[in-house]
Amino acid sequence: MPTYEYRCAEGHTFEVFQRMSDEPLSACPDCGAEARRVVSGGGGVLFKGEGFYITDYRSEDYKKRAKAEGGDSGGAGASSGSDSDD
């Protein structure tokens, strides 16, 4: 459920957990003055490290099955077949 930030005419600010389908609040819970929803930065997503990929958070079961099926993509697996031709 999203958190919405509100500010009233008297300067009070407050946050409310609401469904997206809920009507916005119209009164400040502190003083009863008219309140308006404020555009806020919200919770940001932090990207740390050298990269972020959707496959970084795959389940361990998925990783095991992919490894068993030869799902590792890279140059290491392709070079092993050339040694047996001699």
Protein backbone atom coordinates (compact mmCIF):
# COMPACT_ATOMS: atom_id res chain seq x y z
CA MET A 1 0.00 0.00 0.00
CA PRO A 2 1.47 3.40 -0.92
CA THR A 3 2.27 6.12 1.57
CA TYR A 4 0.91 9.55 0.69
CA GLU A 5 2.19 12.80 2.13
CA TYR A 6 -0.22 15.60 2.97
CA ARG A 7 0.14 19.24 4.06
CA CYS A 8 -2.57 21.39 5.59
CA ALA A 9 -3.17 25.13 5.31
CA GLU A 10 -1.68 25.60 8.80
CA GLY A 11 1.62 24.01 7.74
CA HIS A 12 1.28 20.58 9.35
CA THR A 13 2.64 17.67 7.30
CA PHE A 14 1.66 14.05 7.77
CA GLU A 15 1.80 10.73 5.95
CA VAL A 16 -1.05 8.26 5.45
CA PHE A 17 -1.01 4.66 4.20
CA GLN A 18 -3.85 4.44 1.66
CA ARG A 19 -4.96 2.29 -1.19
CA MET A 20 -4.60 3.89 -4.59
CA SER A 21 -8.37 3.66 -5.01
CA ASP A 22 -9.09 5.53 -1.74
CA GLU A 23 -10.22 9.14 -1.87
CA PRO A 24 -7.58 11.67 -0.76
CA LEU A 25 -7.96 13.06 2.75
CA SER A 26 -9.47 16.52 2.96
CA ALA A 27 -8.83 17.49 6.60
CA CYS A 28 -5.73 17.61 8.78
CA PRO A 29 -5.90 15.18 11.72
CA ASP A 30 -4.09 17.71 13.97
CA CYS A 31 -6.10 20.89 13.42
CA GLY A 32 -8.95 20.02 11.04
CA ALA A 33 -7.85 22.54 8.38
CA GLU A 34 -8.05 21.71 4.69
CA ALA A 35 -5.28 19.29 3.67
CA ARG A 36 -3.86 18.59 0.22
CA ARG A 37 -1.79 15.70 -1.06
CA VAL A 38 1.78 16.74 -1.83
CA VAL A 39 3.98 15.29 -4.55
CA SER A 40 6.82 13.58 -2.72
CA GLY A 41 9.96 11.78 -3.73
CA GLY A 42 8.69 8.53 -2.29
CA GLY A 43 10.93 5.55 -1.75
CA GLY A 44 13.75 5.49 -4.22
CA VAL A 45 15.45 2.49 -5.71
CA LEU A 46 19.16 2.32 -5.04
CA PHE A 47 21.39 0.73 -7.64
CA LYS A 48 24.71 -0.18 -6.05
CA GLY A 49 27.72 -1.98 -7.38
CA GLU A 50 28.82 -2.59 -10.93
CA GLY A 51 25.46 -3.51 -12.39
CA PHE A 52 21.88 -4.49 -11.78
CA TYR A 53 20.27 -7.29 -13.70
CA ILE A 54 16.90 -9.00 -13.34
CA THR A 55 18.69 -12.33 -13.08
CA ASP A 56 20.55 -11.19 -9.94
CA TYR A 57 17.58 -12.15 -7.80
CA ARG A 58 16.66 -15.51 -9.29
CA SER A 59 15.80 -18.28 -6.84
CA GLU A 60 18.41 -20.89 -5.98
CA ASP A 61 16.17 -23.59 -7.51
CA TYR A 62 16.10 -21.70 -10.83
CA LYS A 63 19.89 -21.30 -10.80
CA LYS A 64 20.39 -25.03 -10.15
CA ARG A 65 18.05 -26.03 -12.99
CA ALA A 66 19.67 -23.57 -15.40
CA LYS A 67 23.13 -24.89 -14.56
CA ALA A 68 21.99 -28.51 -15.01
CA GLU A 69 20.54 -27.65 -18.44
CA GLY A 70 23.73 -25.92 -19.51
CA GLY A 71 22.15 -22.50 -19.26
CA ASP A 72 25.44 -20.78 -18.40
CA SER A 73 26.11 -18.43 -21.28
CA GLY A 74 29.71 -17.53 -21.85
CA GLY A 75 32.85 -18.42 -23.73
CA ALA A 76 34.05 -21.11 -21.30
CA GLY A 77 31.56 -23.78 -22.40
CA ALA A 78 32.07 -23.22 -26.13
CA SER A 79 35.82 -23.92 -26.12
CA SER A 80 35.57 -27.40 -24.53
CA GLY A 81 34.28 -29.06 -27.74
CA SER A 82 37.30 -28.11 -29.87
CA ASP A 83 39.78 -30.24 -27.87
CA SER A 84 38.05 -33.56 -28.67
CA ASP A 85 38.45 -33.25 -32.49
CA ASP A 86 42.13 -34.39 -32.46
